Amino acid sequence: MWELFNPDIYAYVKDEKIWFDPQSGEKLSRCPFLEIEKPRYPTSPTRYTCGIYLDRPDDCRQYPSLISEMIADECEMIETVDLNHPKRAQDALNTLMRDSR
């Protein structure tokens, strides 16, 4: 669908795999659409957002389901507070992902 309707996203696809540099063809180390959210306050922790949320791949729609998966995969979205309070983080993740699962 990206090839037809979202060529800007499809540019990062190579051999049916995602997140390759459109210029060099090299595999990227992270999603090119992961954006740093503008902080509310100067002391706010860094937060990320998805630049293609409505058009994100199915893997992203289903992932993550567990904080432990995020930790094991070194997910960019995990925050220090989540590491320090994994139960609370899992509850928040369950609420956040309720409509995506």
PDB file of N, CA and C in Angstrom:
ATOM      1  N   MET A   1       0.821  -1.191   0.000  1.00  0.00           N
ATOM      2  CA  MET A   1       0.000   0.000   0.000  1.00  0.00           C
ATOM      3  C   MET A   1       0.869   1.262   0.000  1.00  0.00           C
ATOM      4  N   TRP A   2       2.001   1.197   0.711  1.00  0.00           N
ATOM      5  CA  TRP A   2       2.875   2.374   0.733  1.00  0.00           C
ATOM      6  C   TRP A   2       3.350   2.718  -0.673  1.00  0.00           C
ATOM      7  N   GLU A   3       3.662   1.699  -1.462  1.00  0.00           N
ATOM      8  CA  GLU A   3       4.175   1.950  -2.803  1.00  0.00           C
ATOM      9  C   GLU A   3       3.182   2.789  -3.608  1.00  0.00           C
ATOM     10  N   LEU A   4       1.900   2.507  -3.435  1.00  0.00           N
ATOM     11  CA  LEU A   4       0.870   3.238  -4.171  1.00  0.00           C
ATOM     12  C   LEU A   4       0.482   4.559  -3.525  1.00  0.00           C
ATOM     13  N   PHE A   5       0.300   4.533  -2.201  1.00  0.00           N
ATOM     14  CA  PHE A   5      -0.297   5.676  -1.525  1.00  0.00           C
ATOM     15  C   PHE A   5       0.648   6.503  -0.668  1.00  0.00           C
ATOM     16  N   ASN A   6       1.801   5.953  -0.316  1.00  0.00           N
ATOM     17  CA  ASN A   6       2.762   6.665   0.530  1.00  0.00           C
ATOM     18  C   ASN A   6       4.186   6.449   0.029  1.00  0.00           C
ATOM     19  N   PRO A   7       4.495   6.960  -1.153  1.00  0.00           N
ATOM     20  CA  PRO A   7       5.840   6.733  -1.697  1.00  0.00           C
ATOM     21  C   PRO A   7       6.954   7.299  -0.823  1.00  0.00           C
ATOM     22  N   ASP A   8       6.660   8.305   0.000  1.00  0.00           N
ATOM     23  CA  ASP A   8       7.687   8.849   0.906  1.00  0.00           C
ATOM     24  C   ASP A   8       8.090   7.813   1.954  1.00  0.00           C
ATOM     25  N   ILE A   9       7.150   7.003   2.375  1.00  0.00           N
ATOM     26  CA  ILE A   9       7.455   5.920   3.321  1.00  0.00           C
ATOM     27  C   ILE A   9       8.087   4.757   2.562  1.00  0.00           C
ATOM     28  N   TYR A  10       7.521   4.438   1.420  1.00  0.00           N
ATOM     29  CA  TYR A  10       8.001   3.302   0.631  1.00  0.00           C
ATOM     30  C   TYR A  10       9.463   3.471   0.207  1.00  0.00           C
ATOM     31  N   ALA A  11       9.932   4.676   0.134  1.00  0.00           N
ATOM     32  CA  ALA A  11      11.331   4.920  -0.223  1.00  0.00           C
ATOM     33  C   ALA A  11      12.292   4.226   0.747  1.00  0.00           C
ATOM     34  N   TYR A  12      11.836   3.921   1.952  1.00  0.00           N
ATOM     35  CA  TYR A  12      12.662   3.280   2.976  1.00  0.00           C
ATOM     36  C   TYR A  12      12.529   1.755   2.973  1.00  0.00           C
ATOM     37  N   VAL A  13      11.865   1.200   1.966  1.00  0.00           N
ATOM     38  CA  VAL A  13      11.680  -0.248   1.840  1.00  0.00           C
ATOM     39  C   VAL A  13      12.651  -0.786   0.797  1.00  0.00           C
ATOM     40  N   LYS A  14      13.258  -1.927   1.129  1.00  0.00           N
ATOM     41  CA  LYS A  14      14.183  -2.579   0.196  1.00  0.00           C
ATOM     42  C   LYS A  14      13.961  -4.087   0.300  1.00  0.00           C
ATOM     43  N   ASP A  15      13.705  -4.726  -0.811  1.00  0.00           N
ATOM     44  CA  ASP A  15      13.484  -6.180  -0.828  1.00  0.00           C
ATOM     45  C   ASP A  15      12.422  -6.604   0.184  1.00  0.00           C
ATOM     46  N   GLU A  16      11.355  -5.810   0.246  1.00  0.00           N
ATOM     47  CA  GLU A  16      10.211  -6.059   1.132  1.00  0.00           C
ATOM     48  C   GLU A  16      10.559  -5.993   2.620  1.00  0.00           C
ATOM     49  N   LYS A  17      11.684  -5.380   2.959  1.00  0.00           N
ATOM     50  CA  LYS A  17      12.070  -5.167   4.354  1.00  0.00           C
ATOM     51  C   LYS A  17      12.134  -3.669   4.573  1.00  0.00           C
ATOM     52  N   ILE A  18      11.869  -3.264   5.821  1.00  0.00           N
ATOM     53  CA  ILE A  18      11.756  -1.831   6.085  1.00  0.00           C
ATOM     54  C   ILE A  18      12.997  -1.226   6.723  1.00  0.00           C
ATOM     55  N   TRP A  19      13.063   0.078   6.542  1.00  0.00           N
ATOM     56  CA  TRP A  19      14.004   1.009   7.130  1.00  0.00           C
ATOM     57  C   TRP A  19      15.418   0.875   6.594  1.00  0.00           C
ATOM     58  N   PHE A  20      15.495   1.119   5.287  1.00  0.00           N
ATOM     59  CA  PHE A  20      16.764   1.212   4.588  1.00  0.00           C
ATOM     60  C   PHE A  20      16.919   2.636   4.066  1.00  0.00           C
ATOM     61  N   ASP A  21      18.135   3.146   4.096  1.00  0.00           N
ATOM     62  CA  ASP A  21      18.402   4.487   3.600  1.00  0.00           C
ATOM     63  C   ASP A  21      18.101   4.541   2.101  1.00  0.00           C
ATOM     64  N   PRO A  22      17.228   5.454   1.671  1.00  0.00           N
ATOM     65  CA  PRO A  22      16.874   5.518   0.248  1.00  0.00           C
ATOM     66  C   PRO A  22      18.060   5.865  -0.657  1.00  0.00           C
ATOM     67  N   GLN A  23      19.047   6.575  -0.124  1.00  0.00           N
ATOM     68  CA  GLN A  23      20.210   6.978  -0.924  1.00  0.00           C
ATOM     69  C   GLN A  23      21.238   5.854  -1.042  1.00  0.00           C
ATOM     70  N   SER A  24      21.631   5.305   0.108  1.00  0.00           N
ATOM     71  CA  SER A  24      22.721   4.324   0.130  1.00  0.00           C
ATOM     72  C   SER A  24      22.244   2.873   0.078  1.00  0.00           C
ATOM     73  N   GLY A  25      21.002   2.634   0.455  1.00  0.00           N
ATOM     74  CA  GLY A  25      20.497   1.264   0.523  1.00  0.00           C
ATOM     75  C   GLY A  25      20.910   0.532   1.780  1.00  0.00           C
ATOM     76  N   GLU A  26      21.637   1.217   2.669  1.00  0.00           N
ATOM     77  CA  GLU A  26      22.089   0.607   3.928  1.00  0.00           C
ATOM     78  C   GLU A  26      20.945   0.512   4.927  1.00  0.00           C
ATOM     79  N   LYS A  27      20.965  -0.546   5.742  1.00  0.00           N
ATOM     80  CA  LYS A  27      19.970  -0.735   6.798  1.00  0.00           C
ATOM     81  C   LYS A  27      20.147   0.364   7.836  1.00  0.00           C
ATOM     82  N   LEU A  28      19.054   0.999   8.224  1.00  0.00           N
ATOM     83  CA  LEU A  28      19.107   2.045   9.243  1.00  0.00           C
ATOM     84  C   LEU A  28      19.097   1.418  10.628  1.00  0.00           C
ATOM     85  N   SER A  29      19.697   2.093  11.594  1.00  0.00           N
ATOM     86  CA  SER A  29      19.762   1.557  12.953  1.00  0.00           C
ATOM     87  C   SER A  29      18.473   1.795  13.733  1.00  0.00           C
ATOM     88  N   ARG A  30      17.618   2.699  13.226  1.00  0.00           N
ATOM     89  CA  ARG A  30      16.321   2.914  13.871  1.00  0.00           C
ATOM     90  C   ARG A  30      15.337   3.443  12.839  1.00  0.00           C
ATOM     91  N   CYS A  31      14.106   3.437  13.217  1.00  0.00           N
ATOM     92  CA  CYS A  31      13.041   3.898  12.323  1.00  0.00           C
ATOM     93  C   CYS A  31      13.262   5.366  11.954  1.00  0.00           C
ATOM     94  N   PRO A  32      13.225   5.694  10.672  1.00  0.00           N
ATOM     95  CA  PRO A  32      13.432   7.082  10.261  1.00  0.00           C
ATOM     96  C   PRO A  32      12.262   7.999  10.610  1.00  0.00           C
ATOM     97  N   PHE A  33      11.158   7.421  11.033  1.00  0.00           N
ATOM     98  CA  PHE A  33       9.977   8.206  11.354  1.00  0.00           C
ATOM     99  C   PHE A  33       9.771   8.363  12.861  1.00  0.00           C
ATOM    100  N   LEU A  34      10.733   7.892  13.632  1.00  0.00           N
ATOM    101  CA  LEU A  34      10.697   8.089  15.072  1.00  0.00           C
ATOM    102  C   LEU A  34      11.196   9.498  15.347  1.00  0.00           C
ATOM    103  N   GLU A  35      10.329  10.330  15.878  1.00  0.00           N
ATOM    104  CA  GLU A  35      10.638  11.752  16.065  1.00  0.00           C
ATOM    105  C   GLU A  35      10.710  12.110  17.540  1.00  0.00           C
ATOM    106  N   ILE A  36      11.583  13.037  17.862  1.00  0.00           N
ATOM    107  CA  ILE A  36      11.673  13.531  19.235  1.00  0.00           C
ATOM    108  C   ILE A  36      10.561  14.548  19.439  1.00  0.00           C
ATOM    109  N   GLU A  37       9.779  14.317  20.464  1.00  0.00           N
ATOM    110  CA  GLU A  37       8.664  15.208  20.784  1.00  0.00           C
ATOM    111  C   GLU A  37       9.184  16.476  21.450  1.00  0.00           C
ATOM    112  N   LYS A  38       8.592  17.590  21.132  1.00  0.00           N
ATOM    113  CA  LYS A  38       8.990  18.852  21.756  1.00  0.00           C
ATOM    114  C   LYS A  38       8.692  18.775  23.262  1.00  0.00           C
ATOM    115  N   PRO A  39       9.710  19.053  24.108  1.00  0.00           N
ATOM    116  CA  PRO A  39       9.484  18.955  25.555  1.00  0.00           C
ATOM    117  C   PRO A  39       8.533  20.037  26.061  1.00  0.00           C
ATOM    118  N   ARG A  40       7.736  19.680  27.048  1.00  0.00           N
ATOM    119  CA  ARG A  40       6.815  20.657  27.649  1.00  0.00           C
ATOM    120  C   ARG A  40       7.569  21.642  28.530  1.00  0.00           C
ATOM    121  N   TYR A  41       8.590  21.130  29.203  1.00  0.00           N
ATOM    122  CA  TYR A  41       9.405  21.946  30.105  1.00  0.00           C
ATOM    123  C   TYR A  41      10.871  21.651  29.814  1.00  0.00           C
ATOM    124  N   PRO A  42      11.769  22.575  30.135  1.00  0.00           N
ATOM    125  CA  PRO A  42      13.199  22.332  29.874  1.00  0.00           C
ATOM    126  C   PRO A  42      13.738  21.072  30.557  1.00  0.00           C
ATOM    127  N   THR A  43      13.157  20.687  31.677  1.00  0.00           N
ATOM    128  CA  THR A  43      13.645  19.518  32.412  1.00  0.00           C
ATOM    129  C   THR A  43      12.880  18.242  32.066  1.00  0.00           C
ATOM    130  N   SER A  44      11.948  18.324  31.123  1.00  0.00           N
ATOM    131  CA  SER A  44      11.175  17.140  30.735  1.00  0.00           C
ATOM    132  C   SER A  44      12.080  16.094  30.104  1.00  0.00           C
ATOM    133  N   PRO A  45      11.798  14.805  30.367  1.00  0.00           N
ATOM    134  CA  PRO A  45      12.608  13.763  29.725  1.00  0.00           C
ATOM    135  C   PRO A  45      12.320  13.721  28.226  1.00  0.00           C
ATOM    136  N   THR A  46      13.263  13.182  27.485  1.00  0.00           N
ATOM    137  CA  THR A  46      13.083  13.037  26.042  1.00  0.00           C
ATOM    138  C   THR A  46      11.985  12.021  25.780  1.00  0.00           C
ATOM    139  N   ARG A  47      11.041  12.396  24.926  1.00  0.00           N
ATOM    140  CA  ARG A  47       9.967  11.493  24.521  1.00  0.00           C
ATOM    141  C   ARG A  47       9.946  11.435  23.004  1.00  0.00           C
ATOM    142  N   TYR A  48       9.474  10.318  22.508  1.00  0.00           N
ATOM    143  CA  TYR A  48       9.439  10.105  21.068  1.00  0.00           C
ATOM    144  C   TYR A  48       8.004   9.927  20.596  1.00  0.00           C
ATOM    145  N   THR A  49       7.795  10.191  19.313  1.00  0.00           N
ATOM    146  CA  THR A  49       6.493  10.001  18.697  1.00  0.00           C
ATOM    147  C   THR A  49       6.705   9.401  17.312  1.00  0.00           C
ATOM    148  N   CYS A  50       5.670   8.799  16.779  1.00  0.00           N
ATOM    149  CA  CYS A  50       5.742   8.168  15.469  1.00  0.00           C
ATOM    150  C   CYS A  50       5.257   9.152  14.415  1.00  0.00           C
ATOM    151  N   GLY A  51       6.109   9.442  13.437  1.00  0.00           N
ATOM    152  CA  GLY A  51       5.764  10.378  12.386  1.00  0.00           C
ATOM    153  C   GLY A  51       4.811   9.815  11.339  1.00  0.00           C
ATOM    154  N   ILE A  52       4.595   8.500  11.363  1.00  0.00           N
ATOM    155  CA  ILE A  52       3.674   7.864  10.413  1.00  0.00           C
ATOM    156  C   ILE A  52       2.654   6.999  11.152  1.00  0.00           C
ATOM    157  N   TYR A  53       2.244   7.459  12.312  1.00  0.00           N
ATOM    158  CA  TYR A  53       1.410   6.639  13.196  1.00  0.00           C
ATOM    159  C   TYR A  53       0.222   6.000  12.470  1.00  0.00           C
ATOM    160  N   LEU A  54      -0.522   6.748  11.706  1.00  0.00           N
ATOM    161  CA  LEU A  54      -1.707   6.192  11.040  1.00  0.00           C
ATOM    162  C   LEU A  54      -1.341   5.229   9.914  1.00  0.00           C
ATOM    163  N   ASP A  55      -0.118   5.336   9.401  1.00  0.00           N
ATOM    164  CA  ASP A  55       0.333   4.476   8.310  1.00  0.00           C
ATOM    165  C   ASP A  55       1.445   3.526   8.740  1.00  0.00           C
ATOM    166  N   ARG A  56       1.635   3.348  10.023  1.00  0.00           N
ATOM    167  CA  ARG A  56       2.734   2.523  10.531  1.00  0.00           C
ATOM    168  C   ARG A  56       2.562   1.059  10.122  1.00  0.00           C
ATOM    169  N   PRO A  57       3.678   0.314  10.058  1.00  0.00           N
ATOM    170  CA  PRO A  57       3.612  -1.102   9.672  1.00  0.00           C
ATOM    171  C   PRO A  57       2.881  -1.938  10.728  1.00  0.00           C
ATOM    172  N   ASP A  58       2.409  -3.084  10.304  1.00  0.00           N
ATOM    173  CA  ASP A  58       1.691  -3.973  11.221  1.00  0.00           C
ATOM    174  C   ASP A  58       2.534  -4.355  12.432  1.00  0.00           C
ATOM    175  N   ASP A  59       3.845  -4.562  12.234  1.00  0.00           N
ATOM    176  CA  ASP A  59       4.713  -4.892  13.369  1.00  0.00           C
ATOM    177  C   ASP A  59       4.626  -3.817  14.445  1.00  0.00           C
ATOM    178  N   CYS A  60       4.593  -2.571  14.025  1.00  0.00           N
ATOM    179  CA  CYS A  60       4.500  -1.466  14.981  1.00  0.00           C
ATOM    180  C   CYS A  60       3.125  -1.407  15.638  1.00  0.00           C
ATOM    181  N   ARG A  61       2.103  -1.786  14.909  1.00  0.00           N
ATOM    182  CA  ARG A  61       0.746  -1.788  15.468  1.00  0.00           C
ATOM    183  C   ARG A  61       0.628  -2.810  16.593  1.00  0.00           C
ATOM    184  N   GLN A  62       1.365  -3.893  16.482  1.00  0.00           N
ATOM    185  CA  GLN A  62       1.282  -4.969  17.473  1.00  0.00           C
ATOM    186  C   GLN A  62       2.352  -4.873  18.564  1.00  0.00           C
ATOM    187  N   TYR A  63       3.405  -4.152  18.321  1.00  0.00           N
ATOM    188  CA  TYR A  63       4.536  -4.075  19.242  1.00  0.00           C
ATOM    189  C   TYR A  63       4.520  -2.743  19.942  1.00  0.00           C
ATOM    190  N   PRO A  64       4.893  -2.647  21.128  1.00  0.00           N
ATOM    191  CA  PRO A  64       5.255  -3.718  22.044  1.00  0.00           C
ATOM    192  C   PRO A  64       4.026  -4.186  22.817  1.00  0.00           C
ATOM    193  N   SER A  65       4.102  -5.388  23.297  1.00  0.00           N
ATOM    194  CA  SER A  65       3.025  -5.873  24.139  1.00  0.00           C
ATOM    195  C   SER A  65       3.481  -6.000  25.586  1.00  0.00           C
ATOM    196  N   LEU A  66       4.789  -6.058  25.767  1.00  0.00           N
ATOM    197  CA  LEU A  66       5.332  -6.187  27.120  1.00  0.00           C
ATOM    198  C   LEU A  66       6.518  -5.246  27.311  1.00  0.00           C
ATOM    199  N   ILE A  67       6.599  -4.667  28.483  1.00  0.00           N
ATOM    200  CA  ILE A  67       7.753  -3.833  28.837  1.00  0.00           C
ATOM    201  C   ILE A  67       9.033  -4.661  28.736  1.00  0.00           C
ATOM    202  N   SER A  68       8.959  -5.928  29.133  1.00  0.00           N
ATOM    203  CA  SER A  68      10.148  -6.784  29.054  1.00  0.00           C
ATOM    204  C   SER A  68      10.634  -6.935  27.613  1.00  0.00           C
ATOM    205  N   GLU A  69       9.699  -6.963  26.624  1.00  0.00           N
ATOM    206  CA  GLU A  69      10.099  -7.005  25.216  1.00  0.00           C
ATOM    207  C   GLU A  69      10.822  -5.724  24.827  1.00  0.00           C
ATOM    208  N   MET A  70      10.311  -4.613  25.302  1.00  0.00           N
ATOM    209  CA  MET A  70      10.931  -3.331  24.991  1.00  0.00           C
ATOM    210  C   MET A  70      12.355  -3.273  25.534  1.00  0.00           C
ATOM    211  N   ILE A  71      12.533  -3.780  26.740  1.00  0.00           N
ATOM    212  CA  ILE A  71      13.860  -3.780  27.357  1.00  0.00           C
ATOM    213  C   ILE A  71      14.798  -4.706  26.581  1.00  0.00           C
ATOM    214  N   ALA A  72      14.336  -5.903  26.278  1.00  0.00           N
ATOM    215  CA  ALA A  72      15.166  -6.880  25.562  1.00  0.00           C
ATOM    216  C   ALA A  72      15.548  -6.381  24.170  1.00  0.00           C
ATOM    217  N   ASP A  73      14.640  -5.673  23.514  1.00  0.00           N
ATOM    218  CA  ASP A  73      14.894  -5.172  22.164  1.00  0.00           C
ATOM    219  C   ASP A  73      15.549  -3.792  22.152  1.00  0.00           C
ATOM    220  N   GLU A  74      15.857  -3.266  23.337  1.00  0.00           N
ATOM    221  CA  GLU A  74      16.454  -1.935  23.465  1.00  0.00           C
ATOM    222  C   GLU A  74      15.618  -0.896  22.717  1.00  0.00           C
ATOM    223  N   CYS A  75      14.330  -0.974  22.930  1.00  0.00           N
ATOM    224  CA  CYS A  75      13.380  -0.074  22.276  1.00  0.00           C
ATOM    225  C   CYS A  75      13.684   1.377  22.634  1.00  0.00           C
ATOM    226  N   GLU A  76      13.637   2.246  21.605  1.00  0.00           N
ATOM    227  CA  GLU A  76      13.921   3.672  21.805  1.00  0.00           C
ATOM    228  C   GLU A  76      12.862   4.352  22.666  1.00  0.00           C
ATOM    229  N   MET A  77      11.689   3.735  22.757  1.00  0.00           N
ATOM    230  CA  MET A  77      10.577   4.363  23.466  1.00  0.00           C
ATOM    231  C   MET A  77      10.629   4.139  24.980  1.00  0.00           C
ATOM    232  N   ILE A  78      11.437   3.209  25.450  1.00  0.00           N
ATOM    233  CA  ILE A  78      11.496   2.918  26.885  1.00  0.00           C
ATOM    234  C   ILE A  78      12.185   4.075  27.603  1.00  0.00           C
ATOM    235  N   GLU A  79      11.659   4.422  28.748  1.00  0.00           N
ATOM    236  CA  GLU A  79      12.213   5.528  29.530  1.00  0.00           C
ATOM    237  C   GLU A  79      12.730   5.008  30.864  1.00  0.00           C
ATOM    238  N   THR A  80      13.617   5.758  31.475  1.00  0.00           N
ATOM    239  CA  THR A  80      14.217   5.361  32.750  1.00  0.00           C
ATOM    240  C   THR A  80      13.149   5.093  33.799  1.00  0.00           C
ATOM    241  N   VAL A  81      12.133   5.923  33.839  1.00  0.00           N
ATOM    242  CA  VAL A  81      11.068   5.732  34.828  1.00  0.00           C
ATOM    243  C   VAL A  81      10.382   4.382  34.612  1.00  0.00           C
ATOM    244  N   ASP A  82      10.276   3.941  33.349  1.00  0.00           N
ATOM    245  CA  ASP A  82       9.674   2.633  33.060  1.00  0.00           C
ATOM    246  C   ASP A  82      10.555   1.501  33.580  1.00  0.00           C
ATOM    247  N   LEU A  83      11.862   1.676  33.449  1.00  0.00           N
ATOM    248  CA  LEU A  83      12.790   0.663  33.945  1.00  0.00           C
ATOM    249  C   LEU A  83      12.724   0.551  35.461  1.00  0.00           C
ATOM    250  N   ASN A  84      12.522   1.682  36.115  1.00  0.00           N
ATOM    251  CA  ASN A  84      12.468   1.701  37.575  1.00  0.00           C
ATOM    252  C   ASN A  84      11.136   1.230  38.133  1.00  0.00           C
ATOM    253  N   HIS A  85      10.077   1.300  37.318  1.00  0.00           N
ATOM    254  CA  HIS A  85       8.733   0.912  37.762  1.00  0.00           C
ATOM    255  C   HIS A  85       8.049   0.090  36.670  1.00  0.00           C
ATOM    256  N   PRO A  86       8.553  -1.127  36.401  1.00  0.00           N
ATOM    257  CA  PRO A  86       8.043  -1.904  35.271  1.00  0.00           C
ATOM    258  C   PRO A  86       6.563  -2.277  35.382  1.00  0.00           C
ATOM    259  N   LYS A  87       6.058  -2.543  36.568  1.00  0.00           N
ATOM    260  CA  LYS A  87       4.631  -2.895  36.728  1.00  0.00           C
ATOM    261  C   LYS A  87       3.760  -1.714  36.325  1.00  0.00           C
ATOM    262  N   ARG A  88       4.096  -0.544  36.826  1.00  0.00           N
ATOM    263  CA  ARG A  88       3.333   0.662  36.479  1.00  0.00           C
ATOM    264  C   ARG A  88       3.440   0.951  34.979  1.00  0.00           C
ATOM    265  N   ALA A  89       4.638   0.752  34.427  1.00  0.00           N
ATOM    266  CA  ALA A  89       4.843   0.972  33.000  1.00  0.00           C
ATOM    267  C   ALA A  89       4.019  -0.007  32.172  1.00  0.00           C
ATOM    268  N   GLN A  90       3.959  -1.271  32.612  1.00  0.00           N
ATOM    269  CA  GLN A  90       3.165  -2.270  31.887  1.00  0.00           C
ATOM    270  C   GLN A  90       1.684  -1.911  31.916  1.00  0.00           C
ATOM    271  N   ASP A  91       1.191  -1.457  33.057  1.00  0.00           N
ATOM    272  CA  ASP A  91      -0.211  -1.039  33.151  1.00  0.00           C
ATOM    273  C   ASP A  91      -0.499   0.128  32.200  1.00  0.00           C
ATOM    274  N   ALA A  92       0.409   1.084  32.151  1.00  0.00           N
ATOM    275  CA  ALA A  92       0.240   2.231  31.259  1.00  0.00           C
ATOM    276  C   ALA A  92       0.295   1.791  29.793  1.00  0.00           C
ATOM    277  N   LEU A  93       1.210   0.872  29.478  1.00  0.00           N
ATOM    278  CA  LEU A  93       1.321   0.365  28.113  1.00  0.00           C
ATOM    279  C   LEU A  93       0.056  -0.376  27.705  1.00  0.00           C
ATOM    280  N   ASN A  94      -0.482  -1.174  28.606  1.00  0.00           N
ATOM    281  CA  ASN A  94      -1.718  -1.893  28.310  1.00  0.00           C
ATOM    282  C   ASN A  94      -2.856  -0.927  27.987  1.00  0.00           C
ATOM    283  N   THR A  95      -2.943   0.150  28.739  1.00  0.00           N
ATOM    284  CA  THR A  95      -3.977   1.154  28.488  1.00  0.00           C
ATOM    285  C   THR A  95      -3.740   1.843  27.159  1.00  0.00           C
ATOM    286  N   LEU A  96      -2.500   2.227  26.908  1.00  0.00           N
ATOM    287  CA  LEU A  96      -2.145   2.935  25.683  1.00  0.00           C
ATOM    288  C   LEU A  96      -2.397   2.094  24.440  1.00  0.00           C
ATOM    289  N   MET A  97      -2.081   0.824  24.504  1.00  0.00           N
ATOM    290  CA  MET A  97      -2.172  -0.055  23.336  1.00  0.00           C
ATOM    291  C   MET A  97      -3.522  -0.773  23.217  1.00  0.00           C
ATOM    292  N   ARG A  98      -4.436  -0.479  24.095  1.00  0.00           N
ATOM    293  CA  ARG A  98      -5.730  -1.168  24.132  1.00  0.00           C
ATOM    294  C   ARG A  98      -6.404  -1.202  22.763  1.00  0.00           C
ATOM    295  N   ASP A  99      -6.395  -0.094  22.041  1.00  0.00           N
ATOM    296  CA  ASP A  99      -7.099  -0.027  20.756  1.00  0.00           C
ATOM    297  C   ASP A  99      -6.248  -0.522  19.585  1.00  0.00           C
ATOM    298  N   SER A 100      -4.987  -0.825  19.832  1.00  0.00           N
ATOM    299  CA  SER A 100      -4.099  -1.257  18.747  1.00  0.00           C
ATOM    300  C   SER A 100      -3.907  -2.763  18.712  1.00  0.00           C
ATOM    301  N   ARG A 101      -4.374  -3.444  19.727  1.00  0.00           N
ATOM    302  CA  ARG A 101      -4.127  -4.894  19.803  1.00  0.00           C
ATOM    303  C   ARG A 101      -5.316  -5.674  19.310  1.00  0.00           C
TER     304      ARG A 101
END
